[in-house]
PDB file of N, CA and C in Angstrom:
ATOM      1  N   MET A   1       4.643   8.412   5.376  1.00  0.00           N
ATOM      2  CA  MET A   1       4.109   7.553   6.427  1.00  0.00           C
ATOM      3  C   MET A   1       5.066   6.393   6.668  1.00  0.00           C
ATOM      4  N   ARG A   2       5.046   5.931   7.891  1.00  0.00           N
ATOM      5  CA  ARG A   2       5.856   4.776   8.274  1.00  0.00           C
ATOM      6  C   ARG A   2       4.925   3.751   8.915  1.00  0.00           C
ATOM      7  N   THR A   3       5.197   2.484   8.643  1.00  0.00           N
ATOM      8  CA  THR A   3       4.317   1.420   9.119  1.00  0.00           C
ATOM      9  C   THR A   3       5.125   0.268   9.681  1.00  0.00           C
ATOM     10  N   VAL A   4       4.652  -0.291  10.804  1.00  0.00           N
ATOM     11  CA  VAL A   4       5.234  -1.507  11.361  1.00  0.00           C
ATOM     12  C   VAL A   4       4.188  -2.620  11.252  1.00  0.00           C
ATOM     13  N   VAL A   5       4.620  -3.740  10.690  1.00  0.00           N
ATOM     14  CA  VAL A   5       3.786  -4.934  10.592  1.00  0.00           C
ATOM     15  C   VAL A   5       4.247  -5.878  11.692  1.00  0.00           C
ATOM     16  N   HIS A   6       3.316  -6.283  12.539  1.00  0.00           N
ATOM     17  CA  HIS A   6       3.616  -7.115  13.707  1.00  0.00           C
ATOM     18  C   HIS A   6       3.134  -8.540  13.436  1.00  0.00           C
ATOM     19  N   ILE A   7       4.030  -9.505  13.564  1.00  0.00           N
ATOM     20  CA  ILE A   7       3.688 -10.914  13.356  1.00  0.00           C
ATOM     21  C   ILE A   7       4.004 -11.674  14.644  1.00  0.00           C
ATOM     22  N   PRO A   8       2.991 -11.794  15.532  1.00  0.00           N
ATOM     23  CA  PRO A   8       3.245 -12.417  16.833  1.00  0.00           C
ATOM     24  C   PRO A   8       2.742 -13.854  16.995  1.00  0.00           C
ATOM     25  N   THR A   9       2.120 -14.428  15.974  1.00  0.00           N
ATOM     26  CA  THR A   9       1.548 -15.759  16.176  1.00  0.00           C
ATOM     27  C   THR A   9       2.104 -16.778  15.189  1.00  0.00           C
ATOM     28  N   GLY A  10       1.876 -18.025  15.496  1.00  0.00           N
ATOM     29  CA  GLY A  10       2.290 -19.121  14.638  1.00  0.00           C
ATOM     30  C   GLY A  10       1.295 -19.453  13.548  1.00  0.00           C
ATOM     31  N   ASP A  11       0.212 -18.706  13.465  1.00  0.00           N
ATOM     32  CA  ASP A  11      -0.792 -18.951  12.439  1.00  0.00           C
ATOM     33  C   ASP A  11      -0.197 -18.642  11.060  1.00  0.00           C
ATOM     34  N   GLU A  12      -0.065 -19.669  10.234  1.00  0.00           N
ATOM     35  CA  GLU A  12       0.592 -19.502   8.939  1.00  0.00           C
ATOM     36  C   GLU A  12      -0.142 -18.525   8.035  1.00  0.00           C
ATOM     37  N   ALA A  13      -1.465 -18.508   8.090  1.00  0.00           N
ATOM     38  CA  ALA A  13      -2.225 -17.571   7.257  1.00  0.00           C
ATOM     39  C   ALA A  13      -1.935 -16.135   7.684  1.00  0.00           C
ATOM     40  N   GLU A  14      -1.860 -15.889   8.997  1.00  0.00           N
ATOM     41  CA  GLU A  14      -1.527 -14.548   9.482  1.00  0.00           C
ATOM     42  C   GLU A  14      -0.106 -14.162   9.079  1.00  0.00           C
ATOM     43  N   GLN A  15       0.807 -15.110   9.151  1.00  0.00           N
ATOM     44  CA  GLN A  15       2.190 -14.831   8.776  1.00  0.00           C
ATOM     45  C   GLN A  15       2.270 -14.448   7.296  1.00  0.00           C
ATOM     46  N   GLU A  16       1.638 -15.231   6.447  1.00  0.00           N
ATOM     47  CA  GLU A  16       1.649 -14.946   5.009  1.00  0.00           C
ATOM     48  C   GLU A  16       0.980 -13.609   4.718  1.00  0.00           C
ATOM     49  N   THR A  17      -0.120 -13.331   5.429  1.00  0.00           N
ATOM     50  CA  THR A  17      -0.807 -12.054   5.239  1.00  0.00           C
ATOM     51  C   THR A  17       0.089 -10.897   5.666  1.00  0.00           C
ATOM     52  N   GLY A  18       0.785 -11.042   6.782  1.00  0.00           N
ATOM     53  CA  GLY A  18       1.695 -10.001   7.247  1.00  0.00           C
ATOM     54  C   GLY A  18       2.788  -9.704   6.234  1.00  0.00           C
ATOM     55  N   LEU A  19       3.353 -10.748   5.646  1.00  0.00           N
ATOM     56  CA  LEU A  19       4.390 -10.553   4.636  1.00  0.00           C
ATOM     57  C   LEU A  19       3.817  -9.905   3.384  1.00  0.00           C
ATOM     58  N   ALA A  20       2.597 -10.296   3.017  1.00  0.00           N
ATOM     59  CA  ALA A  20       1.942  -9.696   1.853  1.00  0.00           C
ATOM     60  C   ALA A  20       1.645  -8.216   2.101  1.00  0.00           C
ATOM     61  N   ILE A  21       1.231  -7.893   3.316  1.00  0.00           N
ATOM     62  CA  ILE A  21       0.979  -6.485   3.654  1.00  0.00           C
ATOM     63  C   ILE A  21       2.261  -5.678   3.503  1.00  0.00           C
ATOM     64  N   ALA A  22       3.358  -6.194   4.038  1.00  0.00           N
ATOM     65  CA  ALA A  22       4.641  -5.483   3.923  1.00  0.00           C
ATOM     66  C   ALA A  22       5.003  -5.269   2.463  1.00  0.00           C
ATOM     67  N   ARG A  23       4.835  -6.293   1.646  1.00  0.00           N
ATOM     68  CA  ARG A  23       5.143  -6.185   0.213  1.00  0.00           C
ATOM     69  C   ARG A  23       4.226  -5.154  -0.447  1.00  0.00           C
ATOM     70  N   ASN A  24       2.937  -5.189  -0.129  1.00  0.00           N
ATOM     71  CA  ASN A  24       1.988  -4.248  -0.727  1.00  0.00           C
ATOM     72  C   ASN A  24       2.326  -2.806  -0.346  1.00  0.00           C
ATOM     73  N   LEU A  25       2.749  -2.600   0.885  1.00  0.00           N
ATOM     74  CA  LEU A  25       3.141  -1.254   1.305  1.00  0.00           C
ATOM     75  C   LEU A  25       4.320  -0.756   0.477  1.00  0.00           C
ATOM     76  N   LEU A  26       5.271  -1.633   0.223  1.00  0.00           N
ATOM     77  CA  LEU A  26       6.435  -1.248  -0.583  1.00  0.00           C
ATOM     78  C   LEU A  26       6.045  -0.900  -2.013  1.00  0.00           C
ATOM     79  N   GLU A  27       5.041  -1.581  -2.515  1.00  0.00           N
ATOM     80  CA  GLU A  27       4.643  -1.403  -3.903  1.00  0.00           C
ATOM     81  C   GLU A  27       3.557  -0.348  -4.089  1.00  0.00           C
ATOM     82  N   ASP A  28       3.212   0.351  -3.021  1.00  0.00           N
ATOM     83  CA  ASP A  28       2.210   1.406  -3.093  1.00  0.00           C
ATOM     84  C   ASP A  28       2.643   2.466  -4.098  1.00  0.00           C
ATOM     85  N   GLU A  29       1.784   2.755  -5.043  1.00  0.00           N
ATOM     86  CA  GLU A  29       2.129   3.687  -6.116  1.00  0.00           C
ATOM     87  C   GLU A  29       1.887   5.147  -5.761  1.00  0.00           C
ATOM     88  N   THR A  30       1.329   5.422  -4.593  1.00  0.00           N
ATOM     89  CA  THR A  30       1.087   6.815  -4.214  1.00  0.00           C
ATOM     90  C   THR A  30       2.329   7.460  -3.612  1.00  0.00           C
ATOM     91  N   ASP A  31       3.348   6.666  -3.374  1.00  0.00           N
ATOM     92  CA  ASP A  31       4.586   7.147  -2.756  1.00  0.00           C
ATOM     93  C   ASP A  31       4.354   7.754  -1.380  1.00  0.00           C
ATOM     94  N   SER A  32       3.297   7.320  -0.708  1.00  0.00           N
ATOM     95  CA  SER A  32       3.005   7.861   0.618  1.00  0.00           C
ATOM     96  C   SER A  32       3.672   7.063   1.735  1.00  0.00           C
ATOM     97  N   ILE A  33       4.217   5.900   1.422  1.00  0.00           N
ATOM     98  CA  ILE A  33       4.876   5.055   2.412  1.00  0.00           C
ATOM     99  C   ILE A  33       6.380   5.298   2.340  1.00  0.00           C
ATOM    100  N   ASP A  34       6.939   5.794   3.432  1.00  0.00           N
ATOM    101  CA  ASP A  34       8.366   6.098   3.466  1.00  0.00           C
ATOM    102  C   ASP A  34       9.201   4.947   4.017  1.00  0.00           C
ATOM    103  N   GLU A  35       8.679   4.286   5.071  1.00  0.00           N
ATOM    104  CA  GLU A  35       9.434   3.210   5.706  1.00  0.00           C
ATOM    105  C   GLU A  35       8.485   2.104   6.144  1.00  0.00           C
ATOM    106  N   VAL A  36       8.985   0.873   6.037  1.00  0.00           N
ATOM    107  CA  VAL A  36       8.231  -0.296   6.497  1.00  0.00           C
ATOM    108  C   VAL A  36       9.148  -1.099   7.411  1.00  0.00           C
ATOM    109  N   ALA A  37       8.595  -1.495   8.559  1.00  0.00           N
ATOM    110  CA  ALA A  37       9.312  -2.358   9.491  1.00  0.00           C
ATOM    111  C   ALA A  37       8.451  -3.589   9.747  1.00  0.00           C
ATOM    112  N   LEU A  38       9.086  -4.686  10.062  1.00  0.00           N
ATOM    113  CA  LEU A  38       8.383  -5.921  10.391  1.00  0.00           C
ATOM    114  C   LEU A  38       8.989  -6.461  11.670  1.00  0.00           C
ATOM    115  N   VAL A  39       8.142  -6.787  12.648  1.00  0.00           N
ATOM    116  CA  VAL A  39       8.615  -7.324  13.921  1.00  0.00           C
ATOM    117  C   VAL A  39       7.983  -8.699  14.127  1.00  0.00           C
ATOM    118  N   ALA A  40       8.824  -9.723  14.286  1.00  0.00           N
ATOM    119  CA  ALA A  40       8.368 -11.089  14.526  1.00  0.00           C
ATOM    120  C   ALA A  40       8.675 -11.481  15.965  1.00  0.00           C
ATOM    121  N   GLN A  41       7.682 -12.074  16.615  1.00  0.00           N
ATOM    122  CA  GLN A  41       7.882 -12.580  17.972  1.00  0.00           C
ATOM    123  C   GLN A  41       6.948 -13.759  18.189  1.00  0.00           C
ATOM    124  N   GLY A  42       7.112 -14.438  19.310  1.00  0.00           N
ATOM    125  CA  GLY A  42       6.264 -15.597  19.578  1.00  0.00           C
ATOM    126  C   GLY A  42       6.330 -16.570  18.409  1.00  0.00           C
ATOM    127  N   GLY A  43       5.203 -17.179  18.102  1.00  0.00           N
ATOM    128  CA  GLY A  43       5.137 -18.119  16.989  1.00  0.00           C
ATOM    129  C   GLY A  43       5.469 -17.503  15.651  1.00  0.00           C
ATOM    130  N   GLY A  44       5.363 -16.172  15.573  1.00  0.00           N
ATOM    131  CA  GLY A  44       5.681 -15.464  14.337  1.00  0.00           C
ATOM    132  C   GLY A  44       7.155 -15.506  13.976  1.00  0.00           C
ATOM    133  N   ILE A  45       7.989 -15.958  14.913  1.00  0.00           N
ATOM    134  CA  ILE A  45       9.422 -16.048  14.651  1.00  0.00           C
ATOM    135  C   ILE A  45       9.697 -17.007  13.485  1.00  0.00           C
ATOM    136  N   ALA A  46       8.759 -17.920  13.231  1.00  0.00           N
ATOM    137  CA  ALA A  46       8.924 -18.863  12.116  1.00  0.00           C
ATOM    138  C   ALA A  46       9.101 -18.146  10.782  1.00  0.00           C
ATOM    139  N   THR A  47       8.538 -16.958  10.650  1.00  0.00           N
ATOM    140  CA  THR A  47       8.636 -16.232   9.377  1.00  0.00           C
ATOM    141  C   THR A  47      10.047 -15.756   9.079  1.00  0.00           C
ATOM    142  N   VAL A  48      10.884 -15.638  10.098  1.00  0.00           N
ATOM    143  CA  VAL A  48      12.236 -15.116   9.885  1.00  0.00           C
ATOM    144  C   VAL A  48      13.329 -16.157  10.103  1.00  0.00           C
ATOM    145  N   ARG A  49      12.919 -17.407  10.285  1.00  0.00           N
ATOM    146  CA  ARG A  49      13.910 -18.481  10.443  1.00  0.00           C
ATOM    147  C   ARG A  49      14.523 -18.837   9.102  1.00  0.00           C
ATOM    148  N   ASP A  50      15.806 -19.190   9.114  1.00  0.00           N
ATOM    149  CA  ASP A  50      16.502 -19.486   7.864  1.00  0.00           C
ATOM    150  C   ASP A  50      16.191 -20.880   7.318  1.00  0.00           C
ATOM    151  N   ASP A  51      15.352 -21.621   8.010  1.00  0.00           N
ATOM    152  CA  ASP A  51      14.969 -22.952   7.527  1.00  0.00           C
ATOM    153  C   ASP A  51      13.467 -23.034   7.241  1.00  0.00           C
ATOM    154  N   GLY A  52      12.819 -21.882   7.133  1.00  0.00           N
ATOM    155  CA  GLY A  52      11.377 -21.862   6.928  1.00  0.00           C
ATOM    156  C   GLY A  52      10.982 -21.665   5.475  1.00  0.00           C
ATOM    157  N   ASP A  53       9.677 -21.660   5.267  1.00  0.00           N
ATOM    158  CA  ASP A  53       9.113 -21.521   3.921  1.00  0.00           C
ATOM    159  C   ASP A  53       9.118 -20.086   3.412  1.00  0.00           C
ATOM    160  N   THR A  54       9.418 -19.128   4.286  1.00  0.00           N
ATOM    161  CA  THR A  54       9.319 -17.719   3.894  1.00  0.00           C
ATOM    162  C   THR A  54      10.678 -17.043   3.713  1.00  0.00           C
ATOM    163  N   VAL A  55      11.733 -17.827   3.629  1.00  0.00           N
ATOM    164  CA  VAL A  55      13.088 -17.276   3.518  1.00  0.00           C
ATOM    165  C   VAL A  55      13.197 -16.312   2.342  1.00  0.00           C
ATOM    166  N   ASP A  56      12.726 -16.724   1.175  1.00  0.00           N
ATOM    167  CA  ASP A  56      12.857 -15.878  -0.010  1.00  0.00           C
ATOM    168  C   ASP A  56      12.074 -14.581   0.133  1.00  0.00           C
ATOM    169  N   LYS A  57      10.903 -14.646   0.755  1.00  0.00           N
ATOM    170  CA  LYS A  57      10.099 -13.437   0.957  1.00  0.00           C
ATOM    171  C   LYS A  57      10.788 -12.485   1.917  1.00  0.00           C
ATOM    172  N   ILE A  58      11.369 -13.020   2.988  1.00  0.00           N
ATOM    173  CA  ILE A  58      12.082 -12.174   3.947  1.00  0.00           C
ATOM    174  C   ILE A  58      13.311 -11.553   3.285  1.00  0.00           C
ATOM    175  N   LYS A  59      14.063 -12.339   2.546  1.00  0.00           N
ATOM    176  CA  LYS A  59      15.240 -11.802   1.851  1.00  0.00           C
ATOM    177  C   LYS A  59      14.842 -10.677   0.904  1.00  0.00           C
ATOM    178  N   SER A  60      13.759 -10.866   0.181  1.00  0.00           N
ATOM    179  CA  SER A  60      13.283  -9.853  -0.752  1.00  0.00           C
ATOM    180  C   SER A  60      12.885  -8.570  -0.027  1.00  0.00           C
ATOM    181  N   LEU A  61      12.174  -8.711   1.111  1.00  0.00           N
ATOM    182  CA  LEU A  61      11.787  -7.535   1.882  1.00  0.00           C
ATOM    183  C   LEU A  61      13.018  -6.801   2.404  1.00  0.00           C
ATOM    184  N   LEU A  62      13.998  -7.558   2.901  1.00  0.00           N
ATOM    185  CA  LEU A  62      15.239  -6.953   3.389  1.00  0.00           C
ATOM    186  C   LEU A  62      15.959  -6.199   2.269  1.00  0.00           C
ATOM    187  N   GLU A  63      16.039  -6.829   1.102  1.00  0.00           N
ATOM    188  CA  GLU A  63      16.697  -6.196  -0.045  1.00  0.00           C
ATOM    189  C   GLU A  63      15.995  -4.902  -0.445  1.00  0.00           C
ATOM    190  N   ASP A  64      14.695  -4.834  -0.219  1.00  0.00           N
ATOM    191  CA  ASP A  64      13.925  -3.651  -0.593  1.00  0.00           C
ATOM    192  C   ASP A  64      13.813  -2.636   0.538  1.00  0.00           C
ATOM    193  N   GLY A  65      14.602  -2.823   1.598  1.00  0.00           N
ATOM    194  CA  GLY A  65      14.714  -1.814   2.638  1.00  0.00           C
ATOM    195  C   GLY A  65      13.818  -1.965   3.852  1.00  0.00           C
ATOM    196  N   VAL A  66      13.109  -3.082   3.964  1.00  0.00           N
ATOM    197  CA  VAL A  66      12.286  -3.293   5.150  1.00  0.00           C
ATOM    198  C   VAL A  66      13.202  -3.654   6.323  1.00  0.00           C
ATOM    199  N   ALA A  67      12.989  -2.992   7.447  1.00  0.00           N
ATOM    200  CA  ALA A  67      13.726  -3.311   8.667  1.00  0.00           C
ATOM    201  C   ALA A  67      13.012  -4.484   9.339  1.00  0.00           C
ATOM    202  N   VAL A  68      13.637  -5.650   9.331  1.00  0.00           N
ATOM    203  CA  VAL A  68      13.024  -6.853   9.886  1.00  0.00           C
ATOM    204  C   VAL A  68      13.700  -7.181  11.212  1.00  0.00           C
ATOM    205  N   SER A  69      12.876  -7.310  12.260  1.00  0.00           N
ATOM    206  CA  SER A  69      13.393  -7.568  13.604  1.00  0.00           C
ATOM    207  C   SER A  69      12.788  -8.841  14.184  1.00  0.00           C
ATOM    208  N   ALA A  70      13.575  -9.511  15.002  1.00  0.00           N
ATOM    209  CA  ALA A  70      13.122 -10.699  15.718  1.00  0.00           C
ATOM    210  C   ALA A  70      13.335 -10.481  17.209  1.00  0.00           C
ATOM    211  N   CYS A  71      12.406 -10.969  18.000  1.00  0.00           N
ATOM    212  CA  CYS A  71      12.424 -10.820  19.454  1.00  0.00           C
ATOM    213  C   CYS A  71      13.437 -11.788  20.088  1.00  0.00           C
ATOM    214  N   SER A  72      14.405 -11.227  20.808  1.00  0.00           N
ATOM    215  CA  SER A  72      15.405 -12.058  21.485  1.00  0.00           C
ATOM    216  C   SER A  72      14.796 -12.923  22.578  1.00  0.00           C
ATOM    217  N   ASN A  73      13.789 -12.397  23.266  1.00  0.00           N
ATOM    218  CA  ASN A  73      13.106 -13.209  24.287  1.00  0.00           C
ATOM    219  C   ASN A  73      12.522 -14.466  23.673  1.00  0.00           C
ATOM    220  N   THR A  74      11.933 -14.321  22.488  1.00  0.00           N
ATOM    221  CA  THR A  74      11.368 -15.479  21.799  1.00  0.00           C
ATOM    222  C   THR A  74      12.463 -16.462  21.421  1.00  0.00           C
ATOM    223  N   LEU A  75      13.580 -15.943  20.914  1.00  0.00           N
ATOM    224  CA  LEU A  75      14.688 -16.831  20.553  1.00  0.00           C
ATOM    225  C   LEU A  75      15.126 -17.636  21.772  1.00  0.00           C
ATOM    226  N   ASP A  76      15.279 -16.969  22.912  1.00  0.00           N
ATOM    227  CA  ASP A  76      15.672 -17.666  24.137  1.00  0.00           C
ATOM    228  C   ASP A  76      14.637 -18.714  24.528  1.00  0.00           C
ATOM    229  N   MET A  77      13.366 -18.332  24.464  1.00  0.00           N
ATOM    230  CA  MET A  77      12.282 -19.230  24.861  1.00  0.00           C
ATOM    231  C   MET A  77      12.228 -20.478  23.970  1.00  0.00           C
ATOM    232  N   MET A  78      12.556 -20.308  22.696  1.00  0.00           N
ATOM    233  CA  MET A  78      12.488 -21.415  21.739  1.00  0.00           C
ATOM    234  C   MET A  78      13.839 -22.081  21.519  1.00  0.00           C
ATOM    235  N   ASP A  79      14.813 -21.698  22.339  1.00  0.00           N
ATOM    236  CA  ASP A  79      16.160 -22.256  22.253  1.00  0.00           C
ATOM    237  C   ASP A  79      16.744 -22.101  20.843  1.00  0.00           C
ATOM    238  N   LEU A  80      16.599 -20.892  20.302  1.00  0.00           N
ATOM    239  CA  LEU A  80      17.130 -20.563  18.985  1.00  0.00           C
ATOM    240  C   LEU A  80      18.259 -19.564  19.136  1.00  0.00           C
ATOM    241  N   GLU A  81      19.094 -19.484  18.119  1.00  0.00           N
ATOM    242  CA  GLU A  81      20.216 -18.545  18.085  1.00  0.00           C
ATOM    243  C   GLU A  81      19.989 -17.542  16.950  1.00  0.00           C
ATOM    244  N   GLU A  82      20.701 -16.431  17.006  1.00  0.00           N
ATOM    245  CA  GLU A  82      20.620 -15.462  15.911  1.00  0.00           C
ATOM    246  C   GLU A  82      20.994 -16.115  14.586  1.00  0.00           C
ATOM    247  N   SER A  83      21.883 -17.083  14.634  1.00  0.00           N
ATOM    248  CA  SER A  83      22.314 -17.769  13.414  1.00  0.00           C
ATOM    249  C   SER A  83      21.195 -18.600  12.792  1.00  0.00           C
ATOM    250  N   ASP A  84      20.097 -18.811  13.517  1.00  0.00           N
ATOM    251  CA  ASP A  84      18.947 -19.536  12.980  1.00  0.00           C
ATOM    252  C   ASP A  84      18.036 -18.626  12.161  1.00  0.00           C
ATOM    253  N   LEU A  85      18.361 -17.334  12.123  1.00  0.00           N
ATOM    254  CA  LEU A  85      17.523 -16.367  11.420  1.00  0.00           C
ATOM    255  C   LEU A  85      18.067 -16.095  10.019  1.00  0.00           C
ATOM    256  N   VAL A  86      17.182 -15.633   9.142  1.00  0.00           N
ATOM    257  CA  VAL A  86      17.599 -15.207   7.816  1.00  0.00           C
ATOM    258  C   VAL A  86      18.649 -14.111   7.982  1.00  0.00           C
ATOM    259  N   SER A  87      19.697 -14.184   7.216  1.00  0.00           N
ATOM    260  CA  SER A  87      20.755 -13.183   7.283  1.00  0.00           C
ATOM    261  C   SER A  87      20.178 -11.792   7.017  1.00  0.00           C
ATOM    262  N   GLY A  88      20.514 -10.865   7.899  1.00  0.00           N
ATOM    263  CA  GLY A  88      20.017  -9.499   7.759  1.00  0.00           C
ATOM    264  C   GLY A  88      18.906  -9.156   8.728  1.00  0.00           C
ATOM    265  N   VAL A  89      18.302 -10.181   9.347  1.00  0.00           N
ATOM    266  CA  VAL A  89      17.276  -9.937  10.358  1.00  0.00           C
ATOM    267  C   VAL A  89      17.981  -9.505  11.639  1.00  0.00           C
ATOM    268  N   GLU A  90      17.561  -8.371  12.174  1.00  0.00           N
ATOM    269  CA  GLU A  90      18.129  -7.850  13.406  1.00  0.00           C
ATOM    270  C   GLU A  90      17.370  -8.415  14.607  1.00  0.00           C
ATOM    271  N   THR A  91      18.024  -8.508  15.725  1.00  0.00           N
ATOM    272  CA  THR A  91      17.324  -8.908  16.945  1.00  0.00           C
ATOM    273  C   THR A  91      17.106  -7.681  17.824  1.00  0.00           C
ATOM    274  N   VAL A  92      16.004  -7.718  18.543  1.00  0.00           N
ATOM    275  CA  VAL A  92      15.673  -6.680  19.524  1.00  0.00           C
ATOM    276  C   VAL A  92      15.386  -7.403  20.832  1.00  0.00           C
ATOM    277  N   PRO A  93      15.622  -6.751  21.977  1.00  0.00           N
ATOM    278  CA  PRO A  93      15.425  -7.442  23.255  1.00  0.00           C
ATOM    279  C   PRO A  93      14.001  -7.983  23.440  1.00  0.00           C
ATOM    280  N   GLU A  94      13.006  -7.173  23.100  1.00  0.00           N
ATOM    281  CA  GLU A  94      11.611  -7.576  23.286  1.00  0.00           C
ATOM    282  C   GLU A  94      10.781  -7.076  22.107  1.00  0.00           C
ATOM    283  N   GLY A  95      10.074  -7.980  21.449  1.00  0.00           N
ATOM    284  CA  GLY A  95       9.277  -7.613  20.289  1.00  0.00           C
ATOM    285  C   GLY A  95       8.201  -6.589  20.599  1.00  0.00           C
ATOM    286  N   ALA A  96       7.498  -6.776  21.708  1.00  0.00           N
ATOM    287  CA  ALA A  96       6.418  -5.853  22.058  1.00  0.00           C
ATOM    288  C   ALA A  96       6.966  -4.461  22.339  1.00  0.00           C
ATOM    289  N   VAL A  97       8.117  -4.391  22.980  1.00  0.00           N
ATOM    290  CA  VAL A  97       8.730  -3.093  23.252  1.00  0.00           C
ATOM    291  C   VAL A  97       9.148  -2.429  21.938  1.00  0.00           C
ATOM    292  N   GLU A  98       9.673  -3.213  21.002  1.00  0.00           N
ATOM    293  CA  GLU A  98      10.078  -2.664  19.705  1.00  0.00           C
ATOM    294  C   GLU A  98       8.875  -2.102  18.951  1.00  0.00           C
ATOM    295  N   VAL A  99       7.768  -2.834  18.950  1.00  0.00           N
ATOM    296  CA  VAL A  99       6.554  -2.338  18.295  1.00  0.00           C
ATOM    297  C   VAL A  99       6.097  -1.034  18.952  1.00  0.00           C
ATOM    298  N   THR A 100       6.115  -0.999  20.269  1.00  0.00           N
ATOM    299  CA  THR A 100       5.706   0.193  21.003  1.00  0.00           C
ATOM    300  C   THR A 100       6.640   1.360  20.706  1.00  0.00           C
ATOM    301  N   ARG A 101       7.927   1.084  20.659  1.00  0.00           N
ATOM    302  CA  ARG A 101       8.913   2.128  20.348  1.00  0.00           C
ATOM    303  C   ARG A 101       8.656   2.709  18.967  1.00  0.00           C
ATOM    304  N   LEU A 102       8.426   1.837  17.999  1.00  0.00           N
ATOM    305  CA  LEU A 102       8.168   2.305  16.634  1.00  0.00           C
ATOM    306  C   LEU A 102       6.881   3.130  16.569  1.00  0.00           C
ATOM    307  N   GLN A 103       5.860   2.687  17.281  1.00  0.00           N
ATOM    308  CA  GLN A 103       4.627   3.466  17.311  1.00  0.00           C
ATOM    309  C   GLN A 103       4.878   4.843  17.910  1.00  0.00           C
ATOM    310  N   ASP A 104       5.693   4.896  18.945  1.00  0.00           N
ATOM    311  CA  ASP A 104       6.022   6.169  19.578  1.00  0.00           C
ATOM    312  C   ASP A 104       6.776   7.078  18.614  1.00  0.00           C
ATOM    313  N   GLU A 105       7.491   6.478  17.664  1.00  0.00           N
ATOM    314  CA  GLU A 105       8.219   7.244  16.655  1.00  0.00           C
ATOM    315  C   GLU A 105       7.344   7.595  15.453  1.00  0.00           C
ATOM    316  N   GLY A 106       6.042   7.266  15.537  1.00  0.00           N
ATOM    317  CA  GLY A 106       5.122   7.659  14.482  1.00  0.00           C
ATOM    318  C   GLY A 106       4.771   6.580  13.477  1.00  0.00           C
ATOM    319  N   TYR A 107       5.202   5.355  13.706  1.00  0.00           N
ATOM    320  CA  TYR A 107       4.836   4.266  12.813  1.00  0.00           C
ATOM    321  C   TYR A 107       3.379   3.858  13.059  1.00  0.00           C
ATOM    322  N   ALA A 108       2.645   3.644  11.982  1.00  0.00           N
ATOM    323  CA  ALA A 108       1.301   3.078  12.085  1.00  0.00           C
ATOM    324  C   ALA A 108       1.465   1.577  12.369  1.00  0.00           C
ATOM    325  N   TYR A 109       0.552   1.021  13.147  1.00  0.00           N
ATOM    326  CA  TYR A 109       0.626  -0.387  13.546  1.00  0.00           C
ATOM    327  C   TYR A 109      -0.358  -1.212  12.712  1.00  0.00           C
ATOM    328  N   LEU A 110       0.153  -2.288  12.113  1.00  0.00           N
ATOM    329  CA  LEU A 110      -0.700  -3.228  11.389  1.00  0.00           C
ATOM    330  C   LEU A 110      -0.411  -4.633  11.869  1.00  0.00           C
ATOM    331  N   ARG A 111      -1.480  -5.368  12.118  1.00  0.00           N
ATOM    332  CA  ARG A 111      -1.359  -6.775  12.471  1.00  0.00           C
ATOM    333  C   ARG A 111      -2.398  -7.541  11.666  1.00  0.00           C
ATOM    334  N   PRO A 112      -1.919  -8.560  10.953  1.00  0.00           N
ATOM    335  CA  PRO A 112      -2.883  -9.333  10.138  1.00  0.00           C
ATOM    336  C   PRO A 112      -3.906 -10.054  10.994  1.00  0.00           C
TER     337      PRO A 112
END
C-alpha cells in the first residue's frame, strides 16, 4: 500500500498529527505500507520550513524514505524560496494537483 499525508493548514495540532501519522505508517509492523508521501501546502508549509519547530521530524522522515513535497504556489504566495525549506524537500507546482496525482497512482489519502 502507498499513502499520501496531506498537510494543508496552519493548525499546529493538525501538522503534528500529520507528521505522527507519517511516522506511524513507516513503523507499521505488518509490512503492508510500501511508500509514504507527505504534501505540504497553504499554512501547512510551516512543517517543511528550515526555521520551524519540525525540522528534525522532517529530516527524519526524509532519511527514512518519505517523499516530502511543498507547493510552489504556496511558496510564491508567502514570498518564500526553495532555500527556505528543509534540505531534501521537493517542490511541486501545485499541492492539490500533487495529492490528486498520487491518488490517481493508487496512494491512499490521509488528512489529519
